[in-house]
Amino acid sequence: MVTVTVAVPVLVAAVLGGGAGVATRRWLARLPRGAPVPAGWCEAALALCGAVTAGLVVSGLLDPRWTALLAVLSWLAVAGSATDLLVRRLPNALTLPALALVPAALVPAGGAAVGRGLAGAVLLGGAYLVVHLVSPRAMGGGDVKLAGPVGAAAAGAGWAVLPVVAVLAAVVSAAVALVAVGAGRAGWGSRLPHGPVLLGAALAVVVPAVVVLSGARIPG
């Protein structure tokens, strides 16, 4: 009975995630400057995210009030990574709505989480904007717009999460650049997609952070 109790929600979440992946893939292809993603990638990624989130909830490791944040962040990570890797763009149709969706997803976690999220959006977005103004080749405008919702998700999960995400993204991005240059796939000064790195860092840090918070008490 325990196995069924765990398996059914996980399976349902995986199916719903797969359906969201189909809708996301079709939506990306229909954008004015579309990003056609091969079938299966968005579906598999969002199905996995949904299954993992549901598994954490039914196992008691994740407070359900954080599920909306993880759902929105997972969707943003999949859609943003797909567009940035395939067409080297982060469209406004993705980043601007996410700036409102992420704080809205923090509402179930309480007012303190929403307040931190709004401040985090300003802090990380502002930091990326400064880098963009100093060196536009090092940081694109799409990355600046993406930093807003990512900063909201990170700070919403806790103040300490924001600098960890920022530093991890910078370190991984530098490592990817070094590998690309060493492999002859890019030259010094080449602009590589930063969106997937930033989004991956956010997921890698936010998920364990909200699990830890779930084991304590959600501030709010």
N, C-alpha and C. Protein backbone atom coordinates (compact mmCIF):
# COMPACT_ATOMS: atom_id res chain seq x y z
N MET A 1 0.83 -1.21 0.00
CA MET A 1 0.00 0.00 0.00
C MET A 1 0.86 1.25 0.00
N VAL A 2 1.96 1.23 0.81
CA VAL A 2 2.84 2.40 0.84
C VAL A 2 3.46 2.65 -0.53
N THR A 3 3.84 1.54 -1.21
CA THR A 3 4.45 1.68 -2.53
C THR A 3 3.47 2.30 -3.51
N VAL A 4 2.22 1.86 -3.47
CA VAL A 4 1.20 2.42 -4.37
C VAL A 4 0.96 3.89 -4.03
N THR A 5 0.91 4.20 -2.75
CA THR A 5 0.68 5.58 -2.31
C THR A 5 1.76 6.51 -2.84
N VAL A 6 2.98 6.02 -2.92
CA VAL A 6 4.08 6.82 -3.43
C VAL A 6 4.11 6.82 -4.95
N ALA A 7 3.88 5.66 -5.56
CA ALA A 7 4.05 5.52 -7.01
C ALA A 7 3.00 6.28 -7.79
N VAL A 8 1.75 6.27 -7.32
CA VAL A 8 0.68 6.90 -8.10
C VAL A 8 0.89 8.41 -8.24
N PRO A 9 1.13 9.16 -7.15
CA PRO A 9 1.37 10.60 -7.33
C PRO A 9 2.59 10.89 -8.20
N VAL A 10 3.64 10.09 -8.05
CA VAL A 10 4.83 10.29 -8.86
C VAL A 10 4.52 10.07 -10.34
N LEU A 11 3.77 9.01 -10.63
CA LEU A 11 3.40 8.72 -12.02
C LEU A 11 2.52 9.82 -12.59
N VAL A 12 1.55 10.27 -11.80
CA VAL A 12 0.65 11.33 -12.27
C VAL A 12 1.46 12.61 -12.54
N ALA A 13 2.37 12.94 -11.64
CA ALA A 13 3.18 14.14 -11.83
C ALA A 13 4.06 14.02 -13.06
N ALA A 14 4.58 12.83 -13.31
CA ALA A 14 5.41 12.62 -14.49
C ALA A 14 4.59 12.80 -15.77
N VAL A 15 3.36 12.28 -15.77
CA VAL A 15 2.49 12.42 -16.95
C VAL A 15 2.14 13.89 -17.17
N LEU A 16 1.80 14.59 -16.09
CA LEU A 16 1.49 16.01 -16.22
C LEU A 16 2.70 16.79 -16.70
N GLY A 17 3.88 16.43 -16.19
CA GLY A 17 5.10 17.09 -16.64
C GLY A 17 5.36 16.84 -18.11
N GLY A 18 5.12 15.60 -18.55
CA GLY A 18 5.28 15.30 -19.96
C GLY A 18 4.32 16.10 -20.83
N GLY A 19 3.08 16.24 -20.35
CA GLY A 19 2.11 17.06 -21.09
C GLY A 19 2.53 18.51 -21.15
N ALA A 20 3.08 19.03 -20.04
CA ALA A 20 3.58 20.40 -20.04
C ALA A 20 4.76 20.53 -21.00
N GLY A 21 5.55 19.47 -21.11
CA GLY A 21 6.67 19.48 -22.05
C GLY A 21 6.21 19.57 -23.50
N VAL A 22 5.15 18.85 -23.83
CA VAL A 22 4.59 18.92 -25.19
C VAL A 22 4.12 20.34 -25.48
N ALA A 23 3.36 20.92 -24.53
CA ALA A 23 2.85 22.28 -24.71
C ALA A 23 3.99 23.29 -24.83
N THR A 24 5.03 23.11 -24.02
CA THR A 24 6.17 24.03 -24.05
C THR A 24 6.91 23.94 -25.38
N ARG A 25 7.14 22.72 -25.86
CA ARG A 25 7.84 22.54 -27.14
C ARG A 25 7.06 23.19 -28.28
N ARG A 26 5.76 23.01 -28.30
CA ARG A 26 4.95 23.60 -29.37
C ARG A 26 4.91 25.12 -29.25
N TRP A 27 4.87 25.61 -28.02
CA TRP A 27 4.84 27.06 -27.81
C TRP A 27 6.16 27.69 -28.26
N LEU A 28 7.28 27.05 -27.95
CA LEU A 28 8.58 27.59 -28.37
C LEU A 28 8.68 27.65 -29.89
N ALA A 29 8.15 26.65 -30.57
CA ALA A 29 8.21 26.63 -32.03
C ALA A 29 7.34 27.71 -32.65
N ARG A 30 6.29 28.15 -31.94
CA ARG A 30 5.36 29.14 -32.50
C ARG A 30 5.76 30.58 -32.18
N LEU A 31 6.82 30.77 -31.41
CA LEU A 31 7.25 32.13 -31.11
C LEU A 31 7.64 32.85 -32.40
N PRO A 32 7.53 34.20 -32.43
CA PRO A 32 7.87 34.95 -33.65
C PRO A 32 9.22 34.55 -34.23
N ARG A 33 10.21 34.40 -33.38
CA ARG A 33 11.52 33.88 -33.81
C ARG A 33 11.68 32.54 -33.10
N GLY A 34 11.01 31.55 -33.64
CA GLY A 34 10.83 30.28 -32.95
C GLY A 34 12.09 29.52 -32.64
N ALA A 35 11.96 28.60 -31.68
CA ALA A 35 13.05 27.71 -31.29
C ALA A 35 12.53 26.28 -31.39
N PRO A 36 12.61 25.68 -32.58
CA PRO A 36 12.10 24.31 -32.73
C PRO A 36 12.97 23.32 -31.95
N VAL A 37 12.38 22.69 -30.94
CA VAL A 37 13.08 21.72 -30.11
C VAL A 37 12.69 20.32 -30.56
N PRO A 38 13.65 19.41 -30.74
CA PRO A 38 13.31 18.04 -31.14
C PRO A 38 12.34 17.40 -30.15
N ALA A 39 11.40 16.64 -30.66
CA ALA A 39 10.41 15.98 -29.81
C ALA A 39 11.09 15.09 -28.79
N GLY A 40 10.57 15.13 -27.59
CA GLY A 40 11.06 14.27 -26.53
C GLY A 40 11.88 14.97 -25.48
N TRP A 41 12.61 16.01 -25.85
CA TRP A 41 13.51 16.66 -24.90
C TRP A 41 12.75 17.39 -23.80
N CYS A 42 11.84 18.28 -24.17
CA CYS A 42 11.06 19.02 -23.17
C CYS A 42 10.18 18.07 -22.38
N GLU A 43 9.60 17.10 -23.08
CA GLU A 43 8.70 16.15 -22.42
C GLU A 43 9.44 15.35 -21.35
N ALA A 44 10.59 14.81 -21.69
CA ALA A 44 11.34 13.98 -20.75
C ALA A 44 11.85 14.81 -19.57
N ALA A 45 12.34 16.00 -19.86
CA ALA A 45 12.90 16.83 -18.79
C ALA A 45 11.83 17.25 -17.78
N LEU A 46 10.68 17.69 -18.27
CA LEU A 46 9.63 18.13 -17.35
C LEU A 46 8.94 16.96 -16.67
N ALA A 47 8.87 15.82 -17.33
CA ALA A 47 8.34 14.62 -16.67
C ALA A 47 9.24 14.22 -15.51
N LEU A 48 10.55 14.28 -15.71
CA LEU A 48 11.49 13.96 -14.64
C LEU A 48 11.38 14.95 -13.49
N CYS A 49 11.29 16.23 -13.81
CA CYS A 49 11.16 17.25 -12.77
C CYS A 49 9.89 17.04 -11.96
N GLY A 50 8.79 16.76 -12.66
CA GLY A 50 7.53 16.53 -11.96
C GLY A 50 7.59 15.31 -11.06
N ALA A 51 8.19 14.24 -11.57
CA ALA A 51 8.29 13.01 -10.78
C ALA A 51 9.16 13.21 -9.54
N VAL A 52 10.28 13.92 -9.70
CA VAL A 52 11.17 14.16 -8.55
C VAL A 52 10.47 15.02 -7.50
N THR A 53 9.78 16.08 -7.93
CA THR A 53 9.08 16.95 -6.99
C THR A 53 8.00 16.18 -6.24
N ALA A 54 7.22 15.40 -6.98
CA ALA A 54 6.17 14.62 -6.33
C ALA A 54 6.76 13.59 -5.37
N GLY A 55 7.87 12.98 -5.77
CA GLY A 55 8.52 12.00 -4.90
C GLY A 55 8.98 12.64 -3.60
N LEU A 56 9.51 13.85 -3.68
CA LEU A 56 9.97 14.55 -2.47
C LEU A 56 8.78 14.88 -1.56
N VAL A 57 7.65 15.26 -2.17
CA VAL A 57 6.48 15.61 -1.37
C VAL A 57 5.90 14.39 -0.67
N VAL A 58 5.66 13.33 -1.42
CA VAL A 58 5.01 12.15 -0.82
C VAL A 58 5.93 11.44 0.17
N SER A 59 7.22 11.64 0.04
CA SER A 59 8.14 11.04 1.00
C SER A 59 8.29 11.89 2.26
N GLY A 60 7.66 13.06 2.26
CA GLY A 60 7.71 13.94 3.43
C GLY A 60 8.93 14.83 3.48
N LEU A 61 9.74 14.84 2.43
CA LEU A 61 10.95 15.66 2.44
C LEU A 61 10.71 17.10 1.99
N LEU A 62 9.62 17.32 1.28
CA LEU A 62 9.34 18.65 0.72
C LEU A 62 7.97 19.12 1.17
N ASP A 63 7.94 20.32 1.76
CA ASP A 63 6.67 20.94 2.11
C ASP A 63 5.94 21.29 0.81
N PRO A 64 4.66 20.90 0.68
CA PRO A 64 3.92 21.17 -0.57
C PRO A 64 3.88 22.64 -0.96
N ARG A 65 4.10 23.52 0.01
CA ARG A 65 4.04 24.95 -0.31
C ARG A 65 5.19 25.40 -1.21
N TRP A 66 6.21 24.56 -1.37
CA TRP A 66 7.31 24.90 -2.27
C TRP A 66 7.13 24.30 -3.66
N THR A 67 6.10 23.52 -3.87
CA THR A 67 5.97 22.84 -5.17
C THR A 67 5.73 23.81 -6.32
N ALA A 68 4.99 24.88 -6.07
CA ALA A 68 4.75 25.85 -7.15
C ALA A 68 6.06 26.47 -7.61
N LEU A 69 6.93 26.80 -6.67
CA LEU A 69 8.22 27.39 -7.04
C LEU A 69 9.03 26.41 -7.87
N LEU A 70 9.10 25.15 -7.45
CA LEU A 70 9.88 24.17 -8.19
C LEU A 70 9.28 23.91 -9.57
N ALA A 71 7.95 23.93 -9.67
CA ALA A 71 7.31 23.72 -10.97
C ALA A 71 7.66 24.84 -11.95
N VAL A 72 7.57 26.08 -11.48
CA VAL A 72 7.87 27.23 -12.35
C VAL A 72 9.36 27.27 -12.70
N LEU A 73 10.21 27.02 -11.71
CA LEU A 73 11.65 27.05 -11.97
C LEU A 73 12.05 25.93 -12.93
N SER A 74 11.45 24.76 -12.78
CA SER A 74 11.74 23.64 -13.70
C SER A 74 11.33 24.00 -15.12
N TRP A 75 10.14 24.55 -15.26
CA TRP A 75 9.67 24.94 -16.59
C TRP A 75 10.60 25.99 -17.21
N LEU A 76 10.98 26.98 -16.42
CA LEU A 76 11.87 28.03 -16.92
C LEU A 76 13.22 27.45 -17.31
N ALA A 77 13.72 26.50 -16.51
CA ALA A 77 15.01 25.88 -16.80
C ALA A 77 14.98 25.10 -18.11
N VAL A 78 13.91 24.37 -18.34
CA VAL A 78 13.81 23.57 -19.56
C VAL A 78 13.62 24.46 -20.78
N ALA A 79 12.67 25.38 -20.71
CA ALA A 79 12.40 26.25 -21.86
C ALA A 79 13.56 27.18 -22.14
N GLY A 80 14.14 27.77 -21.09
CA GLY A 80 15.24 28.69 -21.28
C GLY A 80 16.49 28.02 -21.81
N SER A 81 16.79 26.84 -21.28
CA SER A 81 17.98 26.12 -21.76
C SER A 81 17.81 25.71 -23.22
N ALA A 82 16.62 25.27 -23.58
CA ALA A 82 16.37 24.85 -24.97
C ALA A 82 16.58 26.00 -25.94
N THR A 83 16.01 27.15 -25.64
CA THR A 83 16.13 28.27 -26.58
C THR A 83 17.56 28.80 -26.64
N ASP A 84 18.23 28.88 -25.50
CA ASP A 84 19.58 29.44 -25.49
C ASP A 84 20.57 28.50 -26.17
N LEU A 85 20.41 27.20 -25.98
CA LEU A 85 21.32 26.25 -26.61
C LEU A 85 21.08 26.14 -28.11
N LEU A 86 19.81 26.15 -28.52
CA LEU A 86 19.49 25.91 -29.93
C LEU A 86 19.59 27.15 -30.79
N VAL A 87 19.13 28.28 -30.29
CA VAL A 87 19.10 29.49 -31.13
C VAL A 87 19.88 30.65 -30.52
N ARG A 88 20.57 30.39 -29.39
CA ARG A 88 21.41 31.40 -28.75
C ARG A 88 20.61 32.66 -28.38
N ARG A 89 19.38 32.45 -27.92
CA ARG A 89 18.55 33.58 -27.51
C ARG A 89 17.73 33.19 -26.28
N LEU A 90 17.40 34.21 -25.47
CA LEU A 90 16.46 34.06 -24.38
C LEU A 90 15.34 35.07 -24.65
N PRO A 91 14.27 34.64 -25.31
CA PRO A 91 13.24 35.59 -25.78
C PRO A 91 12.50 36.27 -24.64
N ASN A 92 12.05 37.50 -24.92
CA ASN A 92 11.25 38.24 -23.94
C ASN A 92 9.98 37.49 -23.57
N ALA A 93 9.43 36.74 -24.52
CA ALA A 93 8.21 35.99 -24.27
C ALA A 93 8.40 34.95 -23.16
N LEU A 94 9.65 34.62 -22.86
CA LEU A 94 9.96 33.67 -21.80
C LEU A 94 10.40 34.37 -20.52
N THR A 95 11.35 35.30 -20.65
CA THR A 95 11.95 35.89 -19.45
C THR A 95 11.03 36.89 -18.75
N LEU A 96 10.27 37.68 -19.51
CA LEU A 96 9.44 38.71 -18.87
C LEU A 96 8.26 38.11 -18.10
N PRO A 97 7.50 37.15 -18.66
CA PRO A 97 6.45 36.52 -17.84
C PRO A 97 7.02 35.81 -16.61
N ALA A 98 8.21 35.23 -16.76
CA ALA A 98 8.81 34.52 -15.62
C ALA A 98 9.10 35.47 -14.46
N LEU A 99 9.32 36.74 -14.77
CA LEU A 99 9.60 37.72 -13.72
C LEU A 99 8.39 37.90 -12.81
N ALA A 100 7.20 37.65 -13.35
CA ALA A 100 5.98 37.71 -12.52
C ALA A 100 5.61 36.33 -11.98
N LEU A 101 5.88 35.29 -12.75
CA LEU A 101 5.48 33.93 -12.34
C LEU A 101 6.24 33.45 -11.11
N VAL A 102 7.53 33.74 -11.04
CA VAL A 102 8.33 33.23 -9.91
C VAL A 102 7.87 33.83 -8.58
N PRO A 103 7.73 35.17 -8.46
CA PRO A 103 7.20 35.70 -7.19
C PRO A 103 5.81 35.17 -6.87
N ALA A 104 4.98 34.99 -7.90
CA ALA A 104 3.64 34.43 -7.65
C ALA A 104 3.74 33.01 -7.10
N ALA A 105 4.71 32.24 -7.60
CA ALA A 105 4.89 30.87 -7.13
C ALA A 105 5.40 30.81 -5.70
N LEU A 106 5.94 31.93 -5.20
CA LEU A 106 6.43 31.99 -3.82
C LEU A 106 5.32 32.32 -2.82
N VAL A 107 4.17 32.73 -3.31
CA VAL A 107 3.07 33.12 -2.42
C VAL A 107 2.70 32.02 -1.42
N PRO A 108 2.56 30.75 -1.84
CA PRO A 108 2.22 29.72 -0.85
C PRO A 108 3.25 29.57 0.26
N ALA A 109 4.51 29.96 0.01
CA ALA A 109 5.56 29.84 1.02
C ALA A 109 5.54 30.99 2.02
N GLY A 110 4.71 32.00 1.80
CA GLY A 110 4.58 33.07 2.77
C GLY A 110 5.09 34.41 2.29
N GLY A 111 4.69 35.44 2.98
CA GLY A 111 5.05 36.80 2.61
C GLY A 111 6.53 37.09 2.66
N ALA A 112 7.22 36.49 3.63
CA ALA A 112 8.67 36.72 3.73
C ALA A 112 9.38 36.18 2.50
N ALA A 113 8.94 35.03 2.01
CA ALA A 113 9.55 34.44 0.82
C ALA A 113 9.31 35.32 -0.40
N VAL A 114 8.11 35.87 -0.51
CA VAL A 114 7.81 36.77 -1.64
C VAL A 114 8.68 38.03 -1.56
N GLY A 115 8.80 38.60 -0.37
CA GLY A 115 9.63 39.79 -0.21
C GLY A 115 11.08 39.54 -0.57
N ARG A 116 11.61 38.40 -0.10
CA ARG A 116 12.98 38.05 -0.46
C ARG A 116 13.11 37.86 -1.97
N GLY A 117 12.09 37.23 -2.57
CA GLY A 117 12.14 36.98 -4.00
C GLY A 117 12.19 38.27 -4.80
N LEU A 118 11.37 39.24 -4.43
CA LEU A 118 11.37 40.52 -5.15
C LEU A 118 12.72 41.22 -5.01
N ALA A 119 13.27 41.19 -3.80
CA ALA A 119 14.58 41.81 -3.59
C ALA A 119 15.67 41.06 -4.35
N GLY A 120 15.58 39.73 -4.36
CA GLY A 120 16.56 38.93 -5.08
C GLY A 120 16.55 39.20 -6.57
N ALA A 121 15.35 39.42 -7.12
CA ALA A 121 15.25 39.74 -8.54
C ALA A 121 15.99 41.03 -8.86
N VAL A 122 15.86 42.02 -7.99
CA VAL A 122 16.53 43.31 -8.20
C VAL A 122 18.05 43.15 -8.04
N LEU A 123 18.46 42.39 -7.03
CA LEU A 123 19.89 42.25 -6.75
C LEU A 123 20.63 41.51 -7.86
N LEU A 124 20.12 40.31 -8.22
CA LEU A 124 20.83 39.55 -9.25
C LEU A 124 20.66 40.19 -10.62
N GLY A 125 19.45 40.67 -10.91
CA GLY A 125 19.25 41.37 -12.18
C GLY A 125 20.14 42.60 -12.29
N GLY A 126 20.27 43.34 -11.19
CA GLY A 126 21.13 44.52 -11.19
C GLY A 126 22.59 44.18 -11.39
N ALA A 127 23.04 43.10 -10.73
CA ALA A 127 24.43 42.68 -10.88
C ALA A 127 24.73 42.28 -12.32
N TYR A 128 23.82 41.54 -12.93
CA TYR A 128 24.01 41.13 -14.32
C TYR A 128 23.95 42.33 -15.25
N LEU A 129 23.11 43.31 -14.92
CA LEU A 129 23.02 44.51 -15.76
C LEU A 129 24.34 45.27 -15.73
N VAL A 130 24.96 45.36 -14.58
CA VAL A 130 26.25 46.05 -14.49
C VAL A 130 27.29 45.35 -15.37
N VAL A 131 27.33 44.02 -15.30
CA VAL A 131 28.29 43.28 -16.14
C VAL A 131 27.98 43.52 -17.61
N HIS A 132 26.71 43.53 -17.97
CA HIS A 132 26.31 43.75 -19.37
C HIS A 132 26.75 45.13 -19.84
N LEU A 133 26.58 46.14 -19.00
CA LEU A 133 26.95 47.49 -19.40
C LEU A 133 28.46 47.63 -19.53
N VAL A 134 29.21 46.95 -18.68
CA VAL A 134 30.67 47.00 -18.74
C VAL A 134 31.19 46.21 -19.92
N SER A 135 30.61 45.01 -20.16
CA SER A 135 31.08 44.14 -21.24
C SER A 135 29.89 43.43 -21.88
N PRO A 136 29.26 44.07 -22.88
CA PRO A 136 28.09 43.47 -23.51
C PRO A 136 28.36 42.09 -24.12
N ARG A 137 29.59 41.84 -24.55
CA ARG A 137 29.91 40.54 -25.14
C ARG A 137 29.95 39.44 -24.07
N ALA A 138 30.29 39.83 -22.86
CA ALA A 138 30.38 38.84 -21.78
C ALA A 138 29.01 38.48 -21.23
N MET A 139 28.05 39.39 -21.31
CA MET A 139 26.72 39.16 -20.74
C MET A 139 25.67 39.78 -21.65
N GLY A 140 24.83 38.94 -22.25
CA GLY A 140 23.81 39.44 -23.16
C GLY A 140 22.61 40.00 -22.43
N GLY A 141 21.79 40.74 -23.18
CA GLY A 141 20.59 41.31 -22.60
C GLY A 141 19.61 40.26 -22.12
N GLY A 142 19.52 39.14 -22.83
CA GLY A 142 18.64 38.07 -22.41
C GLY A 142 19.06 37.48 -21.07
N ASP A 143 20.37 37.38 -20.85
CA ASP A 143 20.87 36.88 -19.57
C ASP A 143 20.49 37.82 -18.43
N VAL A 144 20.53 39.12 -18.70
CA VAL A 144 20.14 40.10 -17.68
C VAL A 144 18.68 39.92 -17.31
N LYS A 145 17.82 39.75 -18.32
CA LYS A 145 16.39 39.57 -18.04
C LYS A 145 16.13 38.25 -17.33
N LEU A 146 16.89 37.22 -17.65
CA LEU A 146 16.72 35.93 -17.00
C LEU A 146 17.17 35.99 -15.54
N ALA A 147 18.16 36.82 -15.24
CA ALA A 147 18.69 36.91 -13.88
C ALA A 147 17.62 37.38 -12.90
N GLY A 148 16.63 38.14 -13.36
CA GLY A 148 15.57 38.61 -12.47
C GLY A 148 14.78 37.46 -11.86
N PRO A 149 14.11 36.63 -12.67
CA PRO A 149 13.36 35.51 -12.10
C PRO A 149 14.24 34.49 -11.38
N VAL A 150 15.46 34.27 -11.88
CA VAL A 150 16.35 33.34 -11.18
C VAL A 150 16.72 33.89 -9.80
N GLY A 151 17.00 35.18 -9.74
CA GLY A 151 17.29 35.80 -8.45
C GLY A 151 16.11 35.72 -7.50
N ALA A 152 14.90 35.86 -8.05
CA ALA A 152 13.70 35.75 -7.21
C ALA A 152 13.56 34.35 -6.65
N ALA A 153 13.78 33.34 -7.48
CA ALA A 153 13.66 31.95 -7.02
C ALA A 153 14.71 31.64 -5.96
N ALA A 154 15.94 32.10 -6.19
CA ALA A 154 17.03 31.81 -5.26
C ALA A 154 16.81 32.48 -3.92
N ALA A 155 16.57 33.79 -3.93
CA ALA A 155 16.38 34.51 -2.67
C ALA A 155 15.10 34.09 -1.97
N GLY A 156 14.08 33.74 -2.75
CA GLY A 156 12.84 33.27 -2.14
C GLY A 156 13.06 32.04 -1.30
N ALA A 157 13.99 31.20 -1.72
CA ALA A 157 14.32 29.98 -0.97
C ALA A 157 15.22 30.27 0.22
N GLY A 158 15.79 31.47 0.30
CA GLY A 158 16.64 31.83 1.42
C GLY A 158 17.73 32.78 0.98
N TRP A 159 18.06 33.75 1.84
CA TRP A 159 19.08 34.74 1.46
C TRP A 159 20.41 34.09 1.11
N ALA A 160 20.78 33.04 1.83
CA ALA A 160 22.07 32.41 1.58
C ALA A 160 22.12 31.72 0.23
N VAL A 161 20.95 31.40 -0.33
CA VAL A 161 20.90 30.67 -1.60
C VAL A 161 21.33 31.57 -2.76
N LEU A 162 21.00 32.84 -2.70
CA LEU A 162 21.27 33.76 -3.80
C LEU A 162 22.76 33.85 -4.15
N PRO A 163 23.66 34.15 -3.20
CA PRO A 163 25.07 34.22 -3.58
C PRO A 163 25.64 32.88 -4.01
N VAL A 164 25.12 31.78 -3.46
CA VAL A 164 25.61 30.46 -3.87
C VAL A 164 25.28 30.21 -5.34
N VAL A 165 24.05 30.53 -5.74
CA VAL A 165 23.65 30.36 -7.13
C VAL A 165 24.51 31.24 -8.04
N ALA A 166 24.71 32.50 -7.66
CA ALA A 166 25.48 33.43 -8.48
C ALA A 166 26.92 32.96 -8.66
N VAL A 167 27.55 32.54 -7.56
CA VAL A 167 28.95 32.10 -7.63
C VAL A 167 29.05 30.79 -8.41
N LEU A 168 28.14 29.85 -8.16
CA LEU A 168 28.18 28.57 -8.87
C LEU A 168 28.02 28.78 -10.37
N ALA A 169 27.10 29.65 -10.77
CA ALA A 169 26.90 29.92 -12.19
C ALA A 169 28.15 30.53 -12.82
N ALA A 170 28.79 31.45 -12.10
CA ALA A 170 30.01 32.08 -12.63
C ALA A 170 31.14 31.07 -12.77
N VAL A 171 31.31 30.21 -11.77
CA VAL A 171 32.39 29.22 -11.80
C VAL A 171 32.17 28.20 -12.92
N VAL A 172 30.95 27.70 -13.01
CA VAL A 172 30.65 26.70 -14.06
C VAL A 172 30.76 27.32 -15.43
N SER A 173 30.31 28.56 -15.58
CA SER A 173 30.40 29.24 -16.87
C SER A 173 31.86 29.41 -17.29
N ALA A 174 32.71 29.78 -16.33
CA ALA A 174 34.14 29.93 -16.64
C ALA A 174 34.75 28.58 -17.02
N ALA A 175 34.36 27.53 -16.31
CA ALA A 175 34.89 26.20 -16.61
C ALA A 175 34.45 25.74 -18.00
N VAL A 176 33.20 25.99 -18.34
CA VAL A 176 32.69 25.61 -19.68
C VAL A 176 33.46 26.36 -20.75
N ALA A 177 33.72 27.65 -20.53
CA ALA A 177 34.46 28.44 -21.51
C ALA A 177 35.87 27.90 -21.70
N LEU A 178 36.52 27.54 -20.61
CA LEU A 178 37.88 27.00 -20.70
C LEU A 178 37.90 25.68 -21.47
N VAL A 179 36.93 24.82 -21.20
CA VAL A 179 36.85 23.55 -21.90
C VAL A 179 36.58 23.77 -23.39
N ALA A 180 35.68 24.70 -23.69
CA ALA A 180 35.34 24.98 -25.09
C ALA A 180 36.54 25.53 -25.85
N VAL A 181 37.29 26.42 -25.21
CA VAL A 181 38.48 26.98 -25.85
C VAL A 181 39.54 25.88 -26.03
N GLY A 182 39.73 25.09 -24.99
CA GLY A 182 40.72 24.02 -25.06
C GLY A 182 40.41 22.98 -26.11
N ALA A 183 39.10 22.75 -26.33
CA ALA A 183 38.69 21.77 -27.33
C ALA A 183 38.62 22.37 -28.73
N GLY A 184 38.90 23.66 -28.86
CA GLY A 184 38.85 24.31 -30.16
C GLY A 184 37.44 24.62 -30.65
N ARG A 185 36.47 24.55 -29.75
CA ARG A 185 35.08 24.83 -30.14
C ARG A 185 34.73 26.31 -29.98
N ALA A 186 35.60 27.07 -29.36
CA ALA A 186 35.37 28.50 -29.18
C ALA A 186 36.72 29.18 -29.03
N GLY A 187 36.72 30.49 -29.29
CA GLY A 187 37.94 31.26 -29.12
C GLY A 187 37.80 32.18 -27.93
N TRP A 188 38.92 32.77 -27.51
CA TRP A 188 38.85 33.73 -26.41
C TRP A 188 37.96 34.90 -26.82
N GLY A 189 37.02 35.23 -25.98
CA GLY A 189 36.08 36.31 -26.30
C GLY A 189 34.82 35.82 -26.96
N SER A 190 34.74 34.53 -27.29
CA SER A 190 33.52 34.00 -27.88
C SER A 190 32.39 34.05 -26.86
N ARG A 191 31.20 34.28 -27.35
CA ARG A 191 30.04 34.36 -26.46
C ARG A 191 29.35 33.00 -26.41
N LEU A 192 29.37 32.38 -25.25
CA LEU A 192 28.74 31.08 -25.06
C LEU A 192 27.42 31.25 -24.31
N PRO A 193 26.45 30.36 -24.52
CA PRO A 193 25.17 30.49 -23.82
C PRO A 193 25.34 30.36 -22.31
N HIS A 194 24.90 31.38 -21.60
CA HIS A 194 25.02 31.39 -20.14
C HIS A 194 23.72 30.97 -19.47
N GLY A 195 22.60 31.08 -20.18
CA GLY A 195 21.30 30.75 -19.60
C GLY A 195 21.22 29.36 -19.00
N PRO A 196 21.62 28.31 -19.75
CA PRO A 196 21.54 26.97 -19.17
C PRO A 196 22.37 26.80 -17.91
N VAL A 197 23.52 27.48 -17.85
CA VAL A 197 24.38 27.38 -16.66
C VAL A 197 23.69 28.05 -15.47
N LEU A 198 23.15 29.23 -15.67
CA LEU A 198 22.47 29.95 -14.59
C LEU A 198 21.25 29.17 -14.10
N LEU A 199 20.48 28.65 -15.04
CA LEU A 199 19.27 27.89 -14.67
C LEU A 199 19.63 26.58 -13.99
N GLY A 200 20.67 25.92 -14.49
CA GLY A 200 21.10 24.67 -13.86
C GLY A 200 21.59 24.91 -12.44
N ALA A 201 22.34 26.00 -12.25
CA ALA A 201 22.83 26.33 -10.91
C ALA A 201 21.66 26.62 -9.97
N ALA A 202 20.66 27.32 -10.48
CA ALA A 202 19.49 27.62 -9.65
C ALA A 202 18.78 26.35 -9.20
N LEU A 203 18.53 25.44 -10.13
CA LEU A 203 17.87 24.18 -9.75
C LEU A 203 18.72 23.38 -8.77
N ALA A 204 20.02 23.31 -9.03
CA ALA A 204 20.91 22.51 -8.20
C ALA A 204 20.98 23.01 -6.76
N VAL A 205 20.76 24.31 -6.56
CA VAL A 205 20.87 24.87 -5.21
C VAL A 205 19.50 25.06 -4.57
N VAL A 206 18.52 25.49 -5.34
CA VAL A 206 17.19 25.78 -4.77
C VAL A 206 16.51 24.50 -4.28
N VAL A 207 16.60 23.42 -5.04
CA VAL A 207 15.91 22.18 -4.64
C VAL A 207 16.38 21.70 -3.27
N PRO A 208 17.68 21.50 -3.03
CA PRO A 208 18.08 21.08 -1.68
C PRO A 208 17.79 22.12 -0.62
N ALA A 209 17.81 23.41 -1.00
CA ALA A 209 17.54 24.46 -0.01
C ALA A 209 16.11 24.36 0.49
N VAL A 210 15.13 24.17 -0.40
CA VAL A 210 13.74 24.09 0.06
C VAL A 210 13.47 22.77 0.78
N VAL A 211 14.23 21.73 0.45
CA VAL A 211 14.10 20.48 1.21
C VAL A 211 14.57 20.70 2.64
N VAL A 212 15.68 21.42 2.80
CA VAL A 212 16.17 21.74 4.14
C VAL A 212 15.16 22.58 4.89
N LEU A 213 14.59 23.59 4.22
CA LEU A 213 13.58 24.43 4.87
C LEU A 213 12.36 23.61 5.27
N SER A 214 12.02 22.64 4.45
CA SER A 214 10.84 21.81 4.75
C SER A 214 11.06 20.98 6.00
N GLY A 215 12.32 20.69 6.30
CA GLY A 215 12.62 19.92 7.50
C GLY A 215 12.59 20.79 8.74
N ALA A 216 12.59 22.12 8.52
CA ALA A 216 12.48 23.06 9.64
C ALA A 216 11.09 23.67 9.60
N ARG A 217 11.04 24.95 9.42
CA ARG A 217 9.75 25.63 9.37
C ARG A 217 9.85 26.73 8.32
N ILE A 218 8.88 26.81 7.42
CA ILE A 218 8.90 27.84 6.39
C ILE A 218 8.76 29.20 7.04
N PRO A 219 9.73 30.08 6.81
CA PRO A 219 9.60 31.43 7.37
C PRO A 219 8.48 32.17 6.67
N GLY A 220 7.72 32.90 7.39
CA GLY A 220 6.71 33.60 6.66
C GLY A 220 5.79 34.42 7.40
